Amino acid sequence: MILVTILIEKLYFKTSKTIIFDLTGNNLKRMGDQNKSIEIGFLDHVAIRVSDIEASADWYKTVLGLKKYKLPEWGEFPVFMLANRSGVALFPANTNHKELDIDSKNVKIDHFAFNVDKENFEKAEKRYQELNLDYTIQNHVYFKSIYTKDPDKHTVELTTILVDENEFYK
């Protein structure tokens, strides 16, 4: 079950309240402790599986003016195409690629990522534990990410930068 937090404004309750509900609208639960809410900074990236990484990178550069980030520590992929710290992460959709699992071999959206600060990253891990969600954490040298799945098995990533962001995004 995916949980969504909504801030209900004064016009409904004469005060702000946080309500958590699943996407079907069932099991409405009020939450008194707003400190459990994770503050999202911005949509960091959408990861897409592409048939040709270099052709796609060229397209995003030429058409949208995105800057290419291909870092040696990450290997041949992903290739990030960013503008103002947001963009797409390009991954191969090669059915013969030995490093890809069965779910990663099609041209599709692979996952999406929200950027959070370090405090909210830790808050997210605690929240996932409280909700008994399956999750994994990966260190990507420059970023640390926590991954979980929504009810339709879309991978949802929260990522936090580990280095000086002014240096990284220059």
N, C-alpha and C. Protein backbone atom coordinates (compact mmCIF):
# COMPACT_ATOMS: atom_id res chain seq x y z
N MET A 1 0.85 -1.17 0.00
CA MET A 1 0.00 0.00 0.00
C MET A 1 0.89 1.23 0.00
N ILE A 2 0.62 2.14 -0.89
CA ILE A 2 1.35 3.41 -0.89
C ILE A 2 0.59 4.39 -0.01
N LEU A 3 1.34 5.11 0.78
CA LEU A 3 0.72 6.11 1.64
C LEU A 3 1.07 7.49 1.13
N VAL A 4 0.11 8.34 1.13
CA VAL A 4 0.30 9.70 0.65
C VAL A 4 -0.06 10.64 1.78
N THR A 5 0.76 11.64 2.00
CA THR A 5 0.48 12.63 3.03
C THR A 5 -0.06 13.88 2.36
N ILE A 6 -1.16 14.36 2.86
CA ILE A 6 -1.78 15.57 2.31
C ILE A 6 -1.97 16.56 3.45
N LEU A 7 -1.60 17.77 3.19
CA LEU A 7 -1.85 18.84 4.15
C LEU A 7 -3.19 19.45 3.79
N ILE A 8 -4.17 19.31 4.68
CA ILE A 8 -5.51 19.84 4.46
C ILE A 8 -5.52 21.27 5.01
N GLU A 9 -5.82 22.19 4.15
CA GLU A 9 -5.73 23.60 4.52
C GLU A 9 -6.91 24.08 5.36
N LYS A 10 -6.77 25.28 5.84
CA LYS A 10 -7.72 25.89 6.76
C LYS A 10 -9.15 25.88 6.25
N LEU A 11 -9.34 25.93 4.95
CA LEU A 11 -10.72 26.04 4.50
C LEU A 11 -11.57 24.84 4.82
N TYR A 12 -10.98 23.70 5.10
CA TYR A 12 -11.76 22.52 5.44
C TYR A 12 -11.87 22.30 6.95
N PHE A 13 -10.79 22.54 7.66
CA PHE A 13 -10.78 22.21 9.08
C PHE A 13 -10.53 23.41 9.99
N LYS A 14 -10.42 24.59 9.43
CA LYS A 14 -10.10 25.82 10.16
C LYS A 14 -8.70 25.75 10.79
N THR A 15 -7.96 24.74 10.49
CA THR A 15 -6.57 24.58 10.92
C THR A 15 -5.93 23.55 9.99
N SER A 16 -4.63 23.57 9.89
CA SER A 16 -3.95 22.59 9.04
C SER A 16 -3.83 21.27 9.77
N LYS A 17 -4.12 20.18 9.08
CA LYS A 17 -4.00 18.84 9.64
C LYS A 17 -3.32 17.97 8.60
N THR A 18 -2.63 16.95 9.07
CA THR A 18 -2.04 15.99 8.16
C THR A 18 -2.86 14.72 8.20
N ILE A 19 -3.23 14.23 7.03
CA ILE A 19 -4.01 13.00 6.92
C ILE A 19 -3.23 12.04 6.04
N ILE A 20 -3.20 10.77 6.43
CA ILE A 20 -2.56 9.76 5.60
C ILE A 20 -3.64 8.84 5.09
N PHE A 21 -3.59 8.50 3.81
CA PHE A 21 -4.56 7.56 3.27
C PHE A 21 -3.92 6.78 2.15
N ASP A 22 -4.48 5.60 1.86
CA ASP A 22 -3.96 4.86 0.72
C ASP A 22 -4.65 5.39 -0.54
N LEU A 23 -4.11 5.04 -1.70
CA LEU A 23 -4.61 5.62 -2.94
C LEU A 23 -6.02 5.18 -3.29
N THR A 24 -6.53 4.14 -2.66
CA THR A 24 -7.90 3.72 -2.91
C THR A 24 -8.88 4.54 -2.09
N GLY A 25 -8.36 5.34 -1.14
CA GLY A 25 -9.23 6.16 -0.29
C GLY A 25 -9.69 5.42 0.95
N ASN A 26 -9.28 4.18 1.11
CA ASN A 26 -9.66 3.40 2.28
C ASN A 26 -8.75 3.69 3.46
N ASN A 27 -9.20 3.27 4.62
CA ASN A 27 -8.37 3.30 5.82
C ASN A 27 -7.81 4.68 6.15
N LEU A 28 -8.65 5.69 6.11
CA LEU A 28 -8.20 7.02 6.47
C LEU A 28 -7.74 7.04 7.92
N LYS A 29 -6.57 7.62 8.15
CA LYS A 29 -6.04 7.72 9.49
C LYS A 29 -5.51 9.14 9.68
N ARG A 30 -5.86 9.74 10.77
CA ARG A 30 -5.31 11.06 11.07
C ARG A 30 -3.99 10.87 11.81
N MET A 31 -3.08 11.75 11.50
CA MET A 31 -1.78 11.73 12.17
C MET A 31 -1.62 12.99 12.97
N GLY A 32 -1.32 12.86 14.24
CA GLY A 32 -1.09 14.04 15.05
C GLY A 32 0.33 14.56 14.91
N ASP A 33 1.29 13.68 14.69
CA ASP A 33 2.70 14.06 14.67
C ASP A 33 3.15 14.38 13.26
N GLN A 34 3.21 15.66 12.92
CA GLN A 34 3.62 16.06 11.59
C GLN A 34 5.12 15.89 11.38
N ASN A 35 5.88 15.63 12.45
CA ASN A 35 7.32 15.42 12.30
C ASN A 35 7.63 14.14 11.54
N LYS A 36 6.65 13.26 11.36
CA LYS A 36 6.87 12.04 10.60
C LYS A 36 6.81 12.31 9.10
N SER A 37 6.27 13.44 8.71
CA SER A 37 6.19 13.78 7.29
C SER A 37 7.58 14.02 6.74
N ILE A 38 7.83 13.52 5.55
CA ILE A 38 9.11 13.70 4.88
C ILE A 38 8.98 14.91 3.97
N GLU A 39 9.89 15.87 4.11
CA GLU A 39 9.85 17.06 3.26
C GLU A 39 10.65 16.81 1.99
N ILE A 40 9.97 16.82 0.86
CA ILE A 40 10.60 16.61 -0.44
C ILE A 40 11.16 17.94 -0.92
N GLY A 41 12.42 17.94 -1.37
CA GLY A 41 13.03 19.15 -1.90
C GLY A 41 12.54 19.43 -3.32
N PHE A 42 12.71 18.46 -4.22
CA PHE A 42 12.29 18.61 -5.61
C PHE A 42 12.37 17.26 -6.29
N LEU A 43 11.75 17.14 -7.47
CA LEU A 43 11.89 15.92 -8.25
C LEU A 43 13.30 15.90 -8.81
N ASP A 44 14.10 14.96 -8.36
CA ASP A 44 15.51 14.90 -8.72
C ASP A 44 15.69 14.38 -10.15
N HIS A 45 15.14 13.22 -10.43
CA HIS A 45 15.26 12.67 -11.78
C HIS A 45 14.21 11.60 -12.02
N VAL A 46 13.97 11.33 -13.28
CA VAL A 46 13.17 10.19 -13.71
C VAL A 46 14.14 9.30 -14.48
N ALA A 47 14.22 8.03 -14.09
CA ALA A 47 15.12 7.09 -14.76
C ALA A 47 14.36 6.40 -15.88
N ILE A 48 14.93 6.44 -17.06
CA ILE A 48 14.27 5.81 -18.20
C ILE A 48 15.22 4.81 -18.86
N ARG A 49 14.64 3.71 -19.34
CA ARG A 49 15.36 2.70 -20.10
C ARG A 49 15.27 3.11 -21.57
N VAL A 50 16.43 3.19 -22.23
CA VAL A 50 16.47 3.65 -23.62
C VAL A 50 17.23 2.63 -24.47
N SER A 51 16.92 2.63 -25.76
CA SER A 51 17.55 1.67 -26.67
C SER A 51 18.99 2.07 -27.01
N ASP A 52 19.32 3.36 -26.94
CA ASP A 52 20.66 3.84 -27.27
C ASP A 52 20.98 5.03 -26.36
N ILE A 53 21.82 4.80 -25.36
CA ILE A 53 22.12 5.86 -24.37
C ILE A 53 22.71 7.09 -25.03
N GLU A 54 23.68 6.92 -25.91
CA GLU A 54 24.34 8.08 -26.51
C GLU A 54 23.39 8.87 -27.41
N ALA A 55 22.55 8.19 -28.17
CA ALA A 55 21.57 8.90 -29.01
C ALA A 55 20.58 9.66 -28.14
N SER A 56 20.16 9.04 -27.04
CA SER A 56 19.22 9.72 -26.13
C SER A 56 19.89 10.90 -25.46
N ALA A 57 21.14 10.73 -25.01
CA ALA A 57 21.87 11.84 -24.38
C ALA A 57 22.00 13.00 -25.35
N ASP A 58 22.31 12.70 -26.60
CA ASP A 58 22.43 13.74 -27.61
C ASP A 58 21.09 14.45 -27.83
N TRP A 59 20.00 13.68 -27.85
CA TRP A 59 18.67 14.26 -28.03
C TRP A 59 18.35 15.22 -26.89
N TYR A 60 18.56 14.79 -25.63
CA TYR A 60 18.24 15.65 -24.49
C TYR A 60 19.13 16.89 -24.45
N LYS A 61 20.37 16.77 -24.92
CA LYS A 61 21.26 17.93 -25.00
C LYS A 61 20.80 18.88 -26.10
N THR A 62 20.55 18.34 -27.28
CA THR A 62 20.19 19.16 -28.44
C THR A 62 18.81 19.79 -28.31
N VAL A 63 17.84 18.99 -27.89
CA VAL A 63 16.46 19.45 -27.86
C VAL A 63 16.15 20.28 -26.62
N LEU A 64 16.60 19.81 -25.46
CA LEU A 64 16.25 20.49 -24.20
C LEU A 64 17.41 21.25 -23.57
N GLY A 65 18.60 21.12 -24.11
CA GLY A 65 19.75 21.83 -23.56
C GLY A 65 20.24 21.28 -22.24
N LEU A 66 19.96 20.00 -21.95
CA LEU A 66 20.39 19.42 -20.68
C LEU A 66 21.89 19.12 -20.70
N LYS A 67 22.51 19.24 -19.53
CA LYS A 67 23.94 18.99 -19.40
C LYS A 67 24.17 17.53 -19.03
N LYS A 68 25.19 16.94 -19.66
CA LYS A 68 25.49 15.52 -19.47
C LYS A 68 26.41 15.31 -18.27
N TYR A 69 26.03 14.38 -17.40
CA TYR A 69 26.85 13.95 -16.27
C TYR A 69 27.07 12.45 -16.40
N LYS A 70 28.28 12.07 -16.77
CA LYS A 70 28.65 10.65 -16.85
C LYS A 70 29.90 10.51 -16.00
N LEU A 71 29.74 9.91 -14.84
CA LEU A 71 30.82 9.89 -13.86
C LEU A 71 31.51 8.53 -13.83
N PRO A 72 32.84 8.51 -13.82
CA PRO A 72 33.57 7.24 -13.88
C PRO A 72 33.24 6.30 -12.71
N GLU A 73 32.92 6.85 -11.57
CA GLU A 73 32.61 6.02 -10.40
C GLU A 73 31.34 5.20 -10.60
N TRP A 74 30.48 5.62 -11.54
CA TRP A 74 29.21 4.94 -11.78
C TRP A 74 29.30 3.92 -12.91
N GLY A 75 30.41 3.85 -13.61
CA GLY A 75 30.52 2.92 -14.73
C GLY A 75 29.88 3.49 -15.98
N GLU A 76 29.46 2.59 -16.88
CA GLU A 76 28.92 3.05 -18.17
C GLU A 76 27.52 3.64 -18.07
N PHE A 77 26.81 3.34 -17.01
CA PHE A 77 25.49 3.93 -16.78
C PHE A 77 25.24 4.02 -15.29
N PRO A 78 24.37 4.94 -14.88
CA PRO A 78 23.51 5.80 -15.69
C PRO A 78 24.26 7.01 -16.24
N VAL A 79 23.66 7.60 -17.26
CA VAL A 79 24.08 8.90 -17.77
C VAL A 79 22.97 9.86 -17.37
N PHE A 80 23.33 10.88 -16.59
CA PHE A 80 22.35 11.88 -16.16
C PHE A 80 22.37 13.05 -17.13
N MET A 81 21.19 13.53 -17.48
CA MET A 81 21.01 14.71 -18.31
C MET A 81 20.20 15.69 -17.46
N LEU A 82 20.86 16.78 -17.00
CA LEU A 82 20.25 17.64 -15.99
C LEU A 82 20.20 19.10 -16.40
N ALA A 83 19.22 19.80 -15.83
CA ALA A 83 19.12 21.25 -15.88
C ALA A 83 18.64 21.68 -14.50
N ASN A 84 19.38 22.55 -13.86
CA ASN A 84 18.99 23.04 -12.53
C ASN A 84 18.74 21.90 -11.55
N ARG A 85 19.62 20.92 -11.52
CA ARG A 85 19.60 19.79 -10.57
C ARG A 85 18.45 18.82 -10.78
N SER A 86 17.78 18.86 -11.91
CA SER A 86 16.67 17.96 -12.18
C SER A 86 16.76 17.49 -13.63
N GLY A 87 16.35 16.25 -13.88
CA GLY A 87 16.39 15.77 -15.25
C GLY A 87 16.08 14.31 -15.37
N VAL A 88 16.76 13.65 -16.32
CA VAL A 88 16.54 12.23 -16.57
C VAL A 88 17.85 11.47 -16.36
N ALA A 89 17.71 10.23 -15.91
CA ALA A 89 18.84 9.30 -15.80
C ALA A 89 18.62 8.24 -16.87
N LEU A 90 19.58 8.10 -17.76
CA LEU A 90 19.46 7.17 -18.87
C LEU A 90 20.12 5.84 -18.53
N PHE A 91 19.36 4.76 -18.68
CA PHE A 91 19.84 3.40 -18.45
C PHE A 91 19.59 2.58 -19.71
N PRO A 92 20.40 1.55 -19.96
CA PRO A 92 20.19 0.74 -21.16
C PRO A 92 18.96 -0.15 -21.05
N ALA A 93 18.33 -0.39 -22.18
CA ALA A 93 17.20 -1.32 -22.27
C ALA A 93 17.60 -2.45 -23.21
N ASN A 94 18.74 -3.01 -22.98
CA ASN A 94 19.28 -4.06 -23.83
C ASN A 94 18.95 -5.41 -23.23
N THR A 95 18.15 -6.19 -23.91
CA THR A 95 17.73 -7.49 -23.37
C THR A 95 18.90 -8.45 -23.21
N ASN A 96 20.02 -8.18 -23.85
CA ASN A 96 21.18 -9.07 -23.73
C ASN A 96 22.20 -8.60 -22.70
N HIS A 97 21.95 -7.48 -22.05
CA HIS A 97 22.92 -6.95 -21.09
C HIS A 97 22.94 -7.82 -19.85
N LYS A 98 24.09 -8.39 -19.52
CA LYS A 98 24.19 -9.38 -18.43
C LYS A 98 23.94 -8.79 -17.05
N GLU A 99 24.12 -7.49 -16.86
CA GLU A 99 23.94 -6.89 -15.53
C GLU A 99 22.50 -6.51 -15.23
N LEU A 100 21.60 -6.61 -16.19
CA LEU A 100 20.23 -6.17 -15.98
C LEU A 100 19.33 -7.32 -15.56
N ASP A 101 18.47 -7.06 -14.57
CA ASP A 101 17.49 -8.07 -14.19
C ASP A 101 16.32 -8.02 -15.18
N ILE A 102 15.44 -8.98 -15.09
CA ILE A 102 14.35 -9.14 -16.06
C ILE A 102 13.44 -7.91 -16.13
N ASP A 103 13.24 -7.22 -14.99
CA ASP A 103 12.36 -6.04 -14.96
C ASP A 103 13.00 -4.82 -15.62
N SER A 104 14.29 -4.87 -15.91
CA SER A 104 15.01 -3.70 -16.41
C SER A 104 15.34 -3.77 -17.89
N LYS A 105 14.76 -4.72 -18.60
CA LYS A 105 15.18 -4.95 -19.98
C LYS A 105 14.26 -4.35 -21.03
N ASN A 106 13.32 -3.54 -20.66
CA ASN A 106 12.41 -2.94 -21.63
C ASN A 106 12.61 -1.43 -21.68
N VAL A 107 12.23 -0.82 -22.81
CA VAL A 107 12.23 0.63 -22.91
C VAL A 107 11.04 1.11 -22.09
N LYS A 108 11.31 1.82 -21.01
CA LYS A 108 10.25 2.24 -20.09
C LYS A 108 10.82 3.21 -19.07
N ILE A 109 9.92 3.75 -18.26
CA ILE A 109 10.37 4.51 -17.09
C ILE A 109 10.78 3.49 -16.05
N ASP A 110 11.98 3.61 -15.55
CA ASP A 110 12.52 2.65 -14.59
C ASP A 110 12.16 3.03 -13.16
N HIS A 111 12.40 4.29 -12.80
CA HIS A 111 12.04 4.77 -11.46
C HIS A 111 12.02 6.29 -11.48
N PHE A 112 11.48 6.87 -10.42
CA PHE A 112 11.57 8.31 -10.26
C PHE A 112 12.14 8.59 -8.89
N ALA A 113 12.79 9.76 -8.76
CA ALA A 113 13.50 10.08 -7.52
C ALA A 113 13.16 11.48 -7.06
N PHE A 114 12.91 11.60 -5.77
CA PHE A 114 12.74 12.89 -5.14
C PHE A 114 14.00 13.20 -4.35
N ASN A 115 14.40 14.47 -4.36
CA ASN A 115 15.55 14.89 -3.59
C ASN A 115 15.10 15.30 -2.19
N VAL A 116 15.84 14.85 -1.19
CA VAL A 116 15.58 15.23 0.20
C VAL A 116 16.90 15.60 0.85
N ASP A 117 16.84 16.37 1.93
CA ASP A 117 18.06 16.65 2.68
C ASP A 117 18.38 15.44 3.57
N LYS A 118 19.54 15.48 4.23
CA LYS A 118 19.99 14.33 5.04
C LYS A 118 19.02 14.02 6.18
N GLU A 119 18.48 15.05 6.81
CA GLU A 119 17.54 14.85 7.91
C GLU A 119 16.29 14.10 7.43
N ASN A 120 15.77 14.49 6.28
CA ASN A 120 14.57 13.83 5.76
C ASN A 120 14.88 12.45 5.19
N PHE A 121 16.11 12.23 4.76
CA PHE A 121 16.51 10.88 4.34
C PHE A 121 16.42 9.93 5.54
N GLU A 122 16.96 10.36 6.68
CA GLU A 122 16.89 9.54 7.90
C GLU A 122 15.45 9.36 8.36
N LYS A 123 14.66 10.41 8.24
CA LYS A 123 13.24 10.35 8.61
C LYS A 123 12.51 9.34 7.72
N ALA A 124 12.87 9.32 6.43
CA ALA A 124 12.24 8.38 5.50
C ALA A 124 12.57 6.94 5.88
N GLU A 125 13.82 6.67 6.22
CA GLU A 125 14.18 5.30 6.60
C GLU A 125 13.40 4.86 7.83
N LYS A 126 13.28 5.72 8.82
CA LYS A 126 12.49 5.40 10.02
C LYS A 126 11.02 5.17 9.66
N ARG A 127 10.50 6.02 8.78
CA ARG A 127 9.10 5.90 8.37
C ARG A 127 8.86 4.59 7.63
N TYR A 128 9.76 4.23 6.74
CA TYR A 128 9.63 2.96 6.01
C TYR A 128 9.65 1.78 6.98
N GLN A 129 10.50 1.87 8.01
CA GLN A 129 10.55 0.81 9.02
C GLN A 129 9.23 0.73 9.77
N GLU A 130 8.69 1.89 10.19
CA GLU A 130 7.41 1.92 10.91
C GLU A 130 6.29 1.30 10.08
N LEU A 131 6.33 1.51 8.77
CA LEU A 131 5.28 1.02 7.87
C LEU A 131 5.57 -0.40 7.36
N ASN A 132 6.68 -0.98 7.83
CA ASN A 132 7.09 -2.33 7.39
C ASN A 132 7.23 -2.43 5.87
N LEU A 133 7.74 -1.37 5.25
CA LEU A 133 7.98 -1.39 3.81
C LEU A 133 9.31 -2.07 3.53
N ASP A 134 9.36 -2.83 2.45
CA ASP A 134 10.63 -3.34 1.96
C ASP A 134 11.36 -2.16 1.34
N TYR A 135 12.65 -2.04 1.63
CA TYR A 135 13.43 -0.96 1.04
C TYR A 135 14.89 -1.36 0.99
N THR A 136 15.65 -0.67 0.15
CA THR A 136 17.09 -0.85 0.09
C THR A 136 17.73 0.53 0.10
N ILE A 137 18.96 0.58 0.59
CA ILE A 137 19.76 1.81 0.58
C ILE A 137 21.01 1.54 -0.23
N GLN A 138 21.35 2.48 -1.10
CA GLN A 138 22.56 2.36 -1.90
C GLN A 138 23.37 3.65 -1.80
N ASN A 139 24.69 3.48 -1.70
CA ASN A 139 25.60 4.62 -1.72
C ASN A 139 26.12 4.75 -3.14
N HIS A 140 25.87 5.90 -3.76
CA HIS A 140 26.29 6.16 -5.14
C HIS A 140 27.47 7.13 -5.19
N VAL A 141 28.34 7.10 -4.22
CA VAL A 141 29.52 7.95 -4.10
C VAL A 141 29.14 9.40 -3.83
N TYR A 142 28.45 10.03 -4.74
CA TYR A 142 28.06 11.43 -4.58
C TYR A 142 26.70 11.59 -3.91
N PHE A 143 25.90 10.55 -3.98
CA PHE A 143 24.54 10.55 -3.44
C PHE A 143 24.31 9.27 -2.65
N LYS A 144 23.35 9.31 -1.75
CA LYS A 144 22.87 8.11 -1.08
C LYS A 144 21.37 8.05 -1.36
N SER A 145 20.87 6.86 -1.66
CA SER A 145 19.47 6.71 -2.06
C SER A 145 18.80 5.59 -1.28
N ILE A 146 17.51 5.79 -1.03
CA ILE A 146 16.68 4.75 -0.42
C ILE A 146 15.57 4.45 -1.42
N TYR A 147 15.35 3.16 -1.68
CA TYR A 147 14.39 2.72 -2.70
C TYR A 147 13.30 1.87 -2.07
N THR A 148 12.08 2.05 -2.54
CA THR A 148 10.96 1.19 -2.19
C THR A 148 10.07 1.08 -3.42
N LYS A 149 9.04 0.26 -3.34
CA LYS A 149 8.12 0.06 -4.48
C LYS A 149 6.73 0.56 -4.11
N ASP A 150 6.04 1.15 -5.09
CA ASP A 150 4.65 1.52 -4.87
C ASP A 150 3.78 0.29 -5.17
N PRO A 151 2.45 0.38 -5.01
CA PRO A 151 1.60 -0.79 -5.21
C PRO A 151 1.66 -1.39 -6.62
N ASP A 152 2.02 -0.57 -7.62
CA ASP A 152 2.14 -1.08 -8.98
C ASP A 152 3.57 -1.49 -9.30
N LYS A 153 4.40 -1.57 -8.28
CA LYS A 153 5.81 -1.99 -8.41
C LYS A 153 6.70 -0.96 -9.10
N HIS A 154 6.26 0.31 -9.14
CA HIS A 154 7.16 1.37 -9.60
C HIS A 154 8.18 1.61 -8.49
N THR A 155 9.42 1.75 -8.86
CA THR A 155 10.45 2.04 -7.87
C THR A 155 10.43 3.52 -7.55
N VAL A 156 10.34 3.84 -6.26
CA VAL A 156 10.34 5.22 -5.77
C VAL A 156 11.64 5.42 -5.01
N GLU A 157 12.41 6.41 -5.41
CA GLU A 157 13.70 6.69 -4.80
C GLU A 157 13.67 8.04 -4.10
N LEU A 158 14.25 8.10 -2.92
CA LEU A 158 14.56 9.36 -2.26
C LEU A 158 16.08 9.43 -2.25
N THR A 159 16.64 10.55 -2.67
CA THR A 159 18.09 10.66 -2.78
C THR A 159 18.57 11.92 -2.08
N THR A 160 19.75 11.82 -1.47
CA THR A 160 20.35 12.97 -0.80
C THR A 160 21.80 13.08 -1.25
N ILE A 161 22.25 14.29 -1.45
CA ILE A 161 23.62 14.51 -1.91
C ILE A 161 24.58 14.39 -0.72
N LEU A 162 25.74 13.78 -0.96
CA LEU A 162 26.74 13.57 0.08
C LEU A 162 27.91 14.53 -0.02
N VAL A 163 28.00 15.26 -1.11
CA VAL A 163 29.11 16.18 -1.34
C VAL A 163 28.56 17.60 -1.45
N ASP A 164 29.44 18.57 -1.55
CA ASP A 164 29.01 19.96 -1.71
C ASP A 164 28.25 20.11 -3.02
N GLU A 165 26.96 20.42 -2.93
CA GLU A 165 26.14 20.48 -4.14
C GLU A 165 26.58 21.59 -5.09
N ASN A 166 27.15 22.67 -4.57
CA ASN A 166 27.63 23.74 -5.45
C ASN A 166 28.81 23.26 -6.30
N GLU A 167 29.62 22.37 -5.75
CA GLU A 167 30.72 21.79 -6.51
C GLU A 167 30.21 20.77 -7.52
N PHE A 168 29.25 19.93 -7.10
CA PHE A 168 28.77 18.86 -7.96
C PHE A 168 28.00 19.41 -9.16
N TYR A 169 27.13 20.38 -8.94
CA TYR A 169 26.25 20.89 -10.00
C TYR A 169 26.85 22.06 -10.78
N LYS A 170 28.16 22.24 -10.73
CA LYS A 170 28.77 23.38 -11.43
C LYS A 170 28.80 23.16 -12.91
